[in-house]
Amino acid sequence: MYDVIYSDDFKKDFLKQDKLLQIIIYKKILKISFETFISRKHLMYGQPYFVEKISESSRLVYNISENKLYIIRFFRDHKDYEKWYKS
């Protein structure tokens, strides 16, 4: 199991969501933290992050390093996600 570390940006994004979506996000983070080997998709444009699809348009951005799971950002809208990784 990975130790989970949440960024301040993620905390702000997370608190803006409704309770049901918060539960879904939390369960996804738990699943990632317990899986030691899963196929992960790297973020495009050479960014060193992984991306997990939460719903059709929402994304969870994270990184894994030295047995730690760093939760970077959560994007409910795909357009916001695209703006972030292209900047």
PDB file of N, CA and C in Angstrom:
ATOM      1  N   MET A   1       0.843  -1.189   0.000  1.00  0.00           N
ATOM      2  CA  MET A   1       0.000   0.000   0.000  1.00  0.00           C
ATOM      3  C   MET A   1       0.882   1.244   0.000  1.00  0.00           C
ATOM      4  N   TYR A   2       0.461   2.225  -0.763  1.00  0.00           N
ATOM      5  CA  TYR A   2       1.177   3.490  -0.830  1.00  0.00           C
ATOM      6  C   TYR A   2       0.682   4.445   0.255  1.00  0.00           C
ATOM      7  N   ASP A   3       1.588   5.275   0.765  1.00  0.00           N
ATOM      8  CA  ASP A   3       1.193   6.390   1.622  1.00  0.00           C
ATOM      9  C   ASP A   3       0.614   7.457   0.702  1.00  0.00           C
ATOM     10  N   VAL A   4      -0.523   8.018   1.066  1.00  0.00           N
ATOM     11  CA  VAL A   4      -1.201   8.992   0.210  1.00  0.00           C
ATOM     12  C   VAL A   4      -0.928  10.397   0.725  1.00  0.00           C
ATOM     13  N   ILE A   5      -0.481  11.264  -0.192  1.00  0.00           N
ATOM     14  CA  ILE A   5      -0.207  12.658   0.128  1.00  0.00           C
ATOM     15  C   ILE A   5      -1.032  13.518  -0.826  1.00  0.00           C
ATOM     16  N   TYR A   6      -1.821  14.413  -0.253  1.00  0.00           N
ATOM     17  CA  TYR A   6      -2.724  15.258  -1.039  1.00  0.00           C
ATOM     18  C   TYR A   6      -2.138  16.655  -1.190  1.00  0.00           C
ATOM     19  N   SER A   7      -2.156  17.166  -2.409  1.00  0.00           N
ATOM     20  CA  SER A   7      -1.694  18.539  -2.629  1.00  0.00           C
ATOM     21  C   SER A   7      -2.782  19.515  -2.181  1.00  0.00           C
ATOM     22  N   ASP A   8      -2.376  20.753  -1.943  1.00  0.00           N
ATOM     23  CA  ASP A   8      -3.350  21.788  -1.576  1.00  0.00           C
ATOM     24  C   ASP A   8      -4.344  22.031  -2.702  1.00  0.00           C
ATOM     25  N   ASP A   9      -3.856  21.985  -3.952  1.00  0.00           N
ATOM     26  CA  ASP A   9      -4.752  22.165  -5.098  1.00  0.00           C
ATOM     27  C   ASP A   9      -5.818  21.075  -5.132  1.00  0.00           C
ATOM     28  N   PHE A  10      -5.421  19.838  -4.860  1.00  0.00           N
ATOM     29  CA  PHE A  10      -6.403  18.753  -4.845  1.00  0.00           C
ATOM     30  C   PHE A  10      -7.432  18.976  -3.744  1.00  0.00           C
ATOM     31  N   LYS A  11      -6.976  19.362  -2.578  1.00  0.00           N
ATOM     32  CA  LYS A  11      -7.898  19.588  -1.458  1.00  0.00           C
ATOM     33  C   LYS A  11      -8.955  20.631  -1.827  1.00  0.00           C
ATOM     34  N   LYS A  12      -8.534  21.707  -2.479  1.00  0.00           N
ATOM     35  CA  LYS A  12      -9.488  22.740  -2.907  1.00  0.00           C
ATOM     36  C   LYS A  12     -10.474  22.182  -3.933  1.00  0.00           C
ATOM     37  N   ASP A  13      -9.934  21.429  -4.919  1.00  0.00           N
ATOM     38  CA  ASP A  13     -10.794  20.829  -5.945  1.00  0.00           C
ATOM     39  C   ASP A  13     -11.785  19.854  -5.323  1.00  0.00           C
ATOM     40  N   PHE A  14     -11.298  19.056  -4.403  1.00  0.00           N
ATOM     41  CA  PHE A  14     -12.107  18.012  -3.775  1.00  0.00           C
ATOM     42  C   PHE A  14     -13.263  18.605  -2.970  1.00  0.00           C
ATOM     43  N   LEU A  15     -12.981  19.638  -2.208  1.00  0.00           N
ATOM     44  CA  LEU A  15     -14.010  20.231  -1.352  1.00  0.00           C
ATOM     45  C   LEU A  15     -15.115  20.935  -2.139  1.00  0.00           C
ATOM     46  N   LYS A  16     -14.852  21.269  -3.387  1.00  0.00           N
ATOM     47  CA  LYS A  16     -15.863  21.913  -4.230  1.00  0.00           C
ATOM     48  C   LYS A  16     -16.893  20.924  -4.773  1.00  0.00           C
ATOM     49  N   GLN A  17     -16.604  19.628  -4.675  1.00  0.00           N
ATOM     50  CA  GLN A  17     -17.475  18.608  -5.266  1.00  0.00           C
ATOM     51  C   GLN A  17     -18.595  18.216  -4.304  1.00  0.00           C
ATOM     52  N   ASP A  18     -19.666  17.669  -4.863  1.00  0.00           N
ATOM     53  CA  ASP A  18     -20.749  17.191  -4.013  1.00  0.00           C
ATOM     54  C   ASP A  18     -20.311  15.908  -3.312  1.00  0.00           C
ATOM     55  N   LYS A  19     -21.028  15.525  -2.279  1.00  0.00           N
ATOM     56  CA  LYS A  19     -20.648  14.393  -1.427  1.00  0.00           C
ATOM     57  C   LYS A  19     -20.555  13.077  -2.192  1.00  0.00           C
ATOM     58  N   LEU A  20     -21.452  12.843  -3.111  1.00  0.00           N
ATOM     59  CA  LEU A  20     -21.430  11.596  -3.869  1.00  0.00           C
ATOM     60  C   LEU A  20     -20.156  11.482  -4.708  1.00  0.00           C
ATOM     61  N   LEU A  21     -19.791  12.550  -5.366  1.00  0.00           N
ATOM     62  CA  LEU A  21     -18.566  12.535  -6.164  1.00  0.00           C
ATOM     63  C   LEU A  21     -17.334  12.424  -5.264  1.00  0.00           C
ATOM     64  N   GLN A  22     -17.360  13.042  -4.104  1.00  0.00           N
ATOM     65  CA  GLN A  22     -16.249  12.909  -3.162  1.00  0.00           C
ATOM     66  C   GLN A  22     -16.040  11.450  -2.765  1.00  0.00           C
ATOM     67  N   ILE A  23     -17.124  10.735  -2.549  1.00  0.00           N
ATOM     68  CA  ILE A  23     -17.027   9.314  -2.196  1.00  0.00           C
ATOM     69  C   ILE A  23     -16.427   8.516  -3.345  1.00  0.00           C
ATOM     70  N   ILE A  24     -16.861   8.791  -4.555  1.00  0.00           N
ATOM     71  CA  ILE A  24     -16.332   8.096  -5.738  1.00  0.00           C
ATOM     72  C   ILE A  24     -14.835   8.368  -5.893  1.00  0.00           C
ATOM     73  N   ILE A  25     -14.429   9.615  -5.724  1.00  0.00           N
ATOM     74  CA  ILE A  25     -13.014   9.980  -5.821  1.00  0.00           C
ATOM     75  C   ILE A  25     -12.217   9.257  -4.738  1.00  0.00           C
ATOM     76  N   TYR A  26     -12.712   9.280  -3.524  1.00  0.00           N
ATOM     77  CA  TYR A  26     -12.015   8.642  -2.410  1.00  0.00           C
ATOM     78  C   TYR A  26     -11.842   7.141  -2.650  1.00  0.00           C
ATOM     79  N   LYS A  27     -12.878   6.483  -3.147  1.00  0.00           N
ATOM     80  CA  LYS A  27     -12.774   5.050  -3.430  1.00  0.00           C
ATOM     81  C   LYS A  27     -11.742   4.774  -4.518  1.00  0.00           C
ATOM     82  N   LYS A  28     -11.676   5.635  -5.514  1.00  0.00           N
ATOM     83  CA  LYS A  28     -10.694   5.465  -6.588  1.00  0.00           C
ATOM     84  C   LYS A  28      -9.275   5.635  -6.037  1.00  0.00           C
ATOM     85  N   ILE A  29      -9.084   6.614  -5.162  1.00  0.00           N
ATOM     86  CA  ILE A  29      -7.770   6.821  -4.549  1.00  0.00           C
ATOM     87  C   ILE A  29      -7.384   5.607  -3.706  1.00  0.00           C
ATOM     88  N   LEU A  30      -8.325   5.065  -2.954  1.00  0.00           N
ATOM     89  CA  LEU A  30      -8.045   3.862  -2.171  1.00  0.00           C
ATOM     90  C   LEU A  30      -7.640   2.700  -3.073  1.00  0.00           C
ATOM     91  N   LYS A  31      -8.350   2.533  -4.157  1.00  0.00           N
ATOM     92  CA  LYS A  31      -8.042   1.451  -5.099  1.00  0.00           C
ATOM     93  C   LYS A  31      -6.624   1.609  -5.649  1.00  0.00           C
ATOM     94  N   ILE A  32      -6.274   2.820  -6.054  1.00  0.00           N
ATOM     95  CA  ILE A  32      -4.934   3.074  -6.577  1.00  0.00           C
ATOM     96  C   ILE A  32      -3.883   2.817  -5.506  1.00  0.00           C
ATOM     97  N   SER A  33      -4.154   3.230  -4.279  1.00  0.00           N
ATOM     98  CA  SER A  33      -3.164   3.112  -3.203  1.00  0.00           C
ATOM     99  C   SER A  33      -2.887   1.664  -2.811  1.00  0.00           C
ATOM    100  N   PHE A  34      -3.836   0.766  -3.048  1.00  0.00           N
ATOM    101  CA  PHE A  34      -3.641  -0.634  -2.686  1.00  0.00           C
ATOM    102  C   PHE A  34      -3.080  -1.474  -3.828  1.00  0.00           C
ATOM    103  N   GLU A  35      -3.184  -1.009  -5.039  1.00  0.00           N
ATOM    104  CA  GLU A  35      -2.701  -1.781  -6.179  1.00  0.00           C
ATOM    105  C   GLU A  35      -1.237  -1.455  -6.429  1.00  0.00           C
ATOM    106  N   THR A  36      -0.394  -2.472  -6.337  1.00  0.00           N
ATOM    107  CA  THR A  36       1.034  -2.247  -6.533  1.00  0.00           C
ATOM    108  C   THR A  36       1.421  -2.313  -8.002  1.00  0.00           C
ATOM    109  N   PHE A  37       0.643  -3.025  -8.801  1.00  0.00           N
ATOM    110  CA  PHE A  37       0.953  -3.060 -10.238  1.00  0.00           C
ATOM    111  C   PHE A  37      -0.332  -2.954 -11.033  1.00  0.00           C
ATOM    112  N   ILE A  38      -0.527  -1.815 -11.638  1.00  0.00           N
ATOM    113  CA  ILE A  38      -1.647  -1.625 -12.550  1.00  0.00           C
ATOM    114  C   ILE A  38      -1.139  -0.874 -13.765  1.00  0.00           C
ATOM    115  N   SER A  39      -1.846  -1.008 -14.839  1.00  0.00           N
ATOM    116  CA  SER A  39      -1.494  -0.275 -16.045  1.00  0.00           C
ATOM    117  C   SER A  39      -1.893   1.181 -15.843  1.00  0.00           C
ATOM    118  N   ARG A  40      -0.929   2.055 -15.900  1.00  0.00           N
ATOM    119  CA  ARG A  40      -1.200   3.471 -15.676  1.00  0.00           C
ATOM    120  C   ARG A  40      -0.971   4.260 -16.948  1.00  0.00           C
ATOM    121  N   LYS A  41      -1.787   5.256 -17.143  1.00  0.00           N
ATOM    122  CA  LYS A  41      -1.670   6.106 -18.323  1.00  0.00           C
ATOM    123  C   LYS A  41      -0.955   7.400 -17.935  1.00  0.00           C
ATOM    124  N   HIS A  42       0.167   7.676 -18.594  1.00  0.00           N
ATOM    125  CA  HIS A  42       0.892   8.920 -18.351  1.00  0.00           C
ATOM    126  C   HIS A  42       0.166  10.087 -18.998  1.00  0.00           C
ATOM    127  N   LEU A  43       0.294  11.221 -18.367  1.00  0.00           N
ATOM    128  CA  LEU A  43      -0.253  12.449 -18.906  1.00  0.00           C
ATOM    129  C   LEU A  43       0.520  12.827 -20.160  1.00  0.00           C
ATOM    130  N   MET A  44      -0.159  13.384 -21.123  1.00  0.00           N
ATOM    131  CA  MET A  44       0.472  13.769 -22.390  1.00  0.00           C
ATOM    132  C   MET A  44       1.423  14.946 -22.213  1.00  0.00           C
ATOM    133  N   TYR A  45       2.135  15.262 -23.253  1.00  0.00           N
ATOM    134  CA  TYR A  45       3.032  16.406 -23.330  1.00  0.00           C
ATOM    135  C   TYR A  45       4.211  16.299 -22.358  1.00  0.00           C
ATOM    136  N   GLY A  46       4.662  15.083 -22.083  1.00  0.00           N
ATOM    137  CA  GLY A  46       5.863  14.880 -21.290  1.00  0.00           C
ATOM    138  C   GLY A  46       5.731  15.162 -19.808  1.00  0.00           C
ATOM    139  N   GLN A  47       4.522  15.330 -19.322  1.00  0.00           N
ATOM    140  CA  GLN A  47       4.324  15.567 -17.899  1.00  0.00           C
ATOM    141  C   GLN A  47       4.556  14.266 -17.122  1.00  0.00           C
ATOM    142  N   PRO A  48       5.167  14.335 -15.941  1.00  0.00           N
ATOM    143  CA  PRO A  48       5.485  13.113 -15.189  1.00  0.00           C
ATOM    144  C   PRO A  48       4.334  12.614 -14.300  1.00  0.00           C
ATOM    145  N   TYR A  49       3.107  12.819 -14.716  1.00  0.00           N
ATOM    146  CA  TYR A  49       1.957  12.446 -13.905  1.00  0.00           C
ATOM    147  C   TYR A  49       1.171  11.318 -14.569  1.00  0.00           C
ATOM    148  N   PHE A  50       0.375  10.643 -13.749  1.00  0.00           N
ATOM    149  CA  PHE A  50      -0.556   9.642 -14.242  1.00  0.00           C
ATOM    150  C   PHE A  50      -1.963  10.223 -14.180  1.00  0.00           C
ATOM    151  N   VAL A  51      -2.841   9.692 -15.019  1.00  0.00           N
ATOM    152  CA  VAL A  51      -4.216  10.184 -15.088  1.00  0.00           C
ATOM    153  C   VAL A  51      -5.165   9.006 -14.917  1.00  0.00           C
ATOM    154  N   GLU A  52      -6.143   9.172 -14.065  1.00  0.00           N
ATOM    155  CA  GLU A  52      -7.174   8.171 -13.858  1.00  0.00           C
ATOM    156  C   GLU A  52      -8.518   8.787 -14.196  1.00  0.00           C
ATOM    157  N   LYS A  53      -9.260   8.108 -15.029  1.00  0.00           N
ATOM    158  CA  LYS A  53     -10.585   8.591 -15.422  1.00  0.00           C
ATOM    159  C   LYS A  53     -11.569   8.241 -14.302  1.00  0.00           C
ATOM    160  N   ILE A  54     -12.264   9.246 -13.797  1.00  0.00           N
ATOM    161  CA  ILE A  54     -13.254   9.038 -12.742  1.00  0.00           C
ATOM    162  C   ILE A  54     -14.639   8.897 -13.360  1.00  0.00           C
ATOM    163  N   SER A  55     -14.944   9.762 -14.290  1.00  0.00           N
ATOM    164  CA  SER A  55     -16.194   9.673 -15.044  1.00  0.00           C
ATOM    165  C   SER A  55     -15.877  10.037 -16.484  1.00  0.00           C
ATOM    166  N   GLU A  56     -16.886  10.215 -17.278  1.00  0.00           N
ATOM    167  CA  GLU A  56     -16.657  10.514 -18.697  1.00  0.00           C
ATOM    168  C   GLU A  56     -15.827  11.780 -18.900  1.00  0.00           C
ATOM    169  N   SER A  57     -16.028  12.788 -18.060  1.00  0.00           N
ATOM    170  CA  SER A  57     -15.297  14.040 -18.253  1.00  0.00           C
ATOM    171  C   SER A  57     -14.335  14.383 -17.116  1.00  0.00           C
ATOM    172  N   SER A  58     -14.386  13.700 -15.993  1.00  0.00           N
ATOM    173  CA  SER A  58     -13.538  14.065 -14.862  1.00  0.00           C
ATOM    174  C   SER A  58     -12.281  13.197 -14.796  1.00  0.00           C
ATOM    175  N   ARG A  59     -11.199  13.802 -14.289  1.00  0.00           N
ATOM    176  CA  ARG A  59      -9.904  13.145 -14.233  1.00  0.00           C
ATOM    177  C   ARG A  59      -9.226  13.394 -12.895  1.00  0.00           C
ATOM    178  N   LEU A  60      -8.497  12.388 -12.436  1.00  0.00           N
ATOM    179  CA  LEU A  60      -7.671  12.482 -11.241  1.00  0.00           C
ATOM    180  C   LEU A  60      -6.222  12.408 -11.704  1.00  0.00           C
ATOM    181  N   VAL A  61      -5.408  13.385 -11.304  1.00  0.00           N
ATOM    182  CA  VAL A  61      -4.011  13.436 -11.700  1.00  0.00           C
ATOM    183  C   VAL A  61      -3.165  13.118 -10.467  1.00  0.00           C
ATOM    184  N   TYR A  62      -2.234  12.159 -10.626  1.00  0.00           N
ATOM    185  CA  TYR A  62      -1.426  11.737  -9.489  1.00  0.00           C
ATOM    186  C   TYR A  62      -0.046  11.296  -9.955  1.00  0.00           C
ATOM    187  N   ASN A  63       0.837  11.069  -8.993  1.00  0.00           N
ATOM    188  CA  ASN A  63       2.171  10.570  -9.262  1.00  0.00           C
ATOM    189  C   ASN A  63       2.538   9.582  -8.169  1.00  0.00           C
ATOM    190  N   ILE A  64       3.406   8.648  -8.495  1.00  0.00           N
ATOM    191  CA  ILE A  64       3.874   7.663  -7.531  1.00  0.00           C
ATOM    192  C   ILE A  64       5.389   7.732  -7.490  1.00  0.00           C
ATOM    193  N   SER A  65       5.928   7.875  -6.287  1.00  0.00           N
ATOM    194  CA  SER A  65       7.367   7.953  -6.109  1.00  0.00           C
ATOM    195  C   SER A  65       7.727   7.458  -4.716  1.00  0.00           C
ATOM    196  N   GLU A  66       8.687   6.556  -4.653  1.00  0.00           N
ATOM    197  CA  GLU A  66       9.212   6.054  -3.378  1.00  0.00           C
ATOM    198  C   GLU A  66       8.115   5.616  -2.413  1.00  0.00           C
ATOM    199  N   ASN A  67       7.235   4.750  -2.886  1.00  0.00           N
ATOM    200  CA  ASN A  67       6.150   4.199  -2.064  1.00  0.00           C
ATOM    201  C   ASN A  67       5.158   5.248  -1.568  1.00  0.00           C
ATOM    202  N   LYS A  68       5.085   6.358  -2.255  1.00  0.00           N
ATOM    203  CA  LYS A  68       4.133   7.412  -1.906  1.00  0.00           C
ATOM    204  C   LYS A  68       3.277   7.726  -3.115  1.00  0.00           C
ATOM    205  N   LEU A  69       2.009   7.913  -2.856  1.00  0.00           N
ATOM    206  CA  LEU A  69       1.043   8.288  -3.886  1.00  0.00           C
ATOM    207  C   LEU A  69       0.712   9.758  -3.676  1.00  0.00           C
ATOM    208  N   TYR A  70       1.137  10.589  -4.621  1.00  0.00           N
ATOM    209  CA  TYR A  70       0.901  12.029  -4.555  1.00  0.00           C
ATOM    210  C   TYR A  70      -0.327  12.364  -5.399  1.00  0.00           C
ATOM    211  N   ILE A  71      -1.379  12.820  -4.753  1.00  0.00           N
ATOM    212  CA  ILE A  71      -2.586  13.223  -5.455  1.00  0.00           C
ATOM    213  C   ILE A  71      -2.422  14.698  -5.804  1.00  0.00           C
ATOM    214  N   ILE A  72      -2.333  14.982  -7.108  1.00  0.00           N
ATOM    215  CA  ILE A  72      -1.996  16.328  -7.570  1.00  0.00           C
ATOM    216  C   ILE A  72      -3.234  17.203  -7.766  1.00  0.00           C
ATOM    217  N   ARG A  73      -4.158  16.746  -8.598  1.00  0.00           N
ATOM    218  CA  ARG A  73      -5.339  17.555  -8.936  1.00  0.00           C
ATOM    219  C   ARG A  73      -6.520  16.662  -9.264  1.00  0.00           C
ATOM    220  N   PHE A  74      -7.704  17.239  -9.184  1.00  0.00           N
ATOM    221  CA  PHE A  74      -8.922  16.609  -9.669  1.00  0.00           C
ATOM    222  C   PHE A  74      -9.623  17.623 -10.553  1.00  0.00           C
ATOM    223  N   PHE A  75     -10.045  17.177 -11.723  1.00  0.00           N
ATOM    224  CA  PHE A  75     -10.761  18.043 -12.658  1.00  0.00           C
ATOM    225  C   PHE A  75     -12.107  17.420 -12.968  1.00  0.00           C
ATOM    226  N   ARG A  76     -13.156  18.145 -12.674  1.00  0.00           N
ATOM    227  CA  ARG A  76     -14.495  17.651 -12.968  1.00  0.00           C
ATOM    228  C   ARG A  76     -14.822  17.813 -14.453  1.00  0.00           C
ATOM    229  N   ASP A  77     -14.248  18.835 -15.052  1.00  0.00           N
ATOM    230  CA  ASP A  77     -14.530  19.156 -16.440  1.00  0.00           C
ATOM    231  C   ASP A  77     -13.284  18.906 -17.289  1.00  0.00           C
ATOM    232  N   HIS A  78     -13.459  18.244 -18.414  1.00  0.00           N
ATOM    233  CA  HIS A  78     -12.331  17.910 -19.281  1.00  0.00           C
ATOM    234  C   HIS A  78     -11.661  19.161 -19.848  1.00  0.00           C
ATOM    235  N   LYS A  79     -12.404  20.216 -20.066  1.00  0.00           N
ATOM    236  CA  LYS A  79     -11.819  21.455 -20.595  1.00  0.00           C
ATOM    237  C   LYS A  79     -10.829  22.066 -19.599  1.00  0.00           C
ATOM    238  N   ASP A  80     -11.172  22.056 -18.318  1.00  0.00           N
ATOM    239  CA  ASP A  80     -10.251  22.564 -17.297  1.00  0.00           C
ATOM    240  C   ASP A  80      -8.993  21.707 -17.240  1.00  0.00           C
ATOM    241  N   TYR A  81      -9.179  20.407 -17.361  1.00  0.00           N
ATOM    242  CA  TYR A  81      -8.060  19.466 -17.376  1.00  0.00           C
ATOM    243  C   TYR A  81      -7.128  19.761 -18.547  1.00  0.00           C
ATOM    244  N   GLU A  82      -7.679  19.981 -19.726  1.00  0.00           N
ATOM    245  CA  GLU A  82      -6.862  20.290 -20.908  1.00  0.00           C
ATOM    246  C   GLU A  82      -6.114  21.606 -20.735  1.00  0.00           C
ATOM    247  N   LYS A  83      -6.768  22.619 -20.195  1.00  0.00           N
ATOM    248  CA  LYS A  83      -6.102  23.906 -19.969  1.00  0.00           C
ATOM    249  C   LYS A  83      -4.917  23.724 -19.031  1.00  0.00           C
ATOM    250  N   TRP A  84      -5.094  22.911 -18.001  1.00  0.00           N
ATOM    251  CA  TRP A  84      -4.047  22.696 -17.006  1.00  0.00           C
ATOM    252  C   TRP A  84      -2.828  22.018 -17.609  1.00  0.00           C
ATOM    253  N   TYR A  85      -3.018  20.916 -18.319  1.00  0.00           N
ATOM    254  CA  TYR A  85      -1.843  20.196 -18.805  1.00  0.00           C
ATOM    255  C   TYR A  85      -1.202  20.841 -20.023  1.00  0.00           C
ATOM    256  N   LYS A  86      -1.905  21.717 -20.706  1.00  0.00           N
ATOM    257  CA  LYS A  86      -1.298  22.393 -21.849  1.00  0.00           C
ATOM    258  C   LYS A  86      -0.566  23.672 -21.443  1.00  0.00           C
ATOM    259  N   SER A  87      -0.778  24.116 -20.216  1.00  0.00           N
ATOM    260  CA  SER A  87      -0.114  25.364 -19.782  1.00  0.00           C
ATOM    261  C   SER A  87       1.265  25.110 -19.216  1.00  0.00           C
TER     262      SER A  87
END
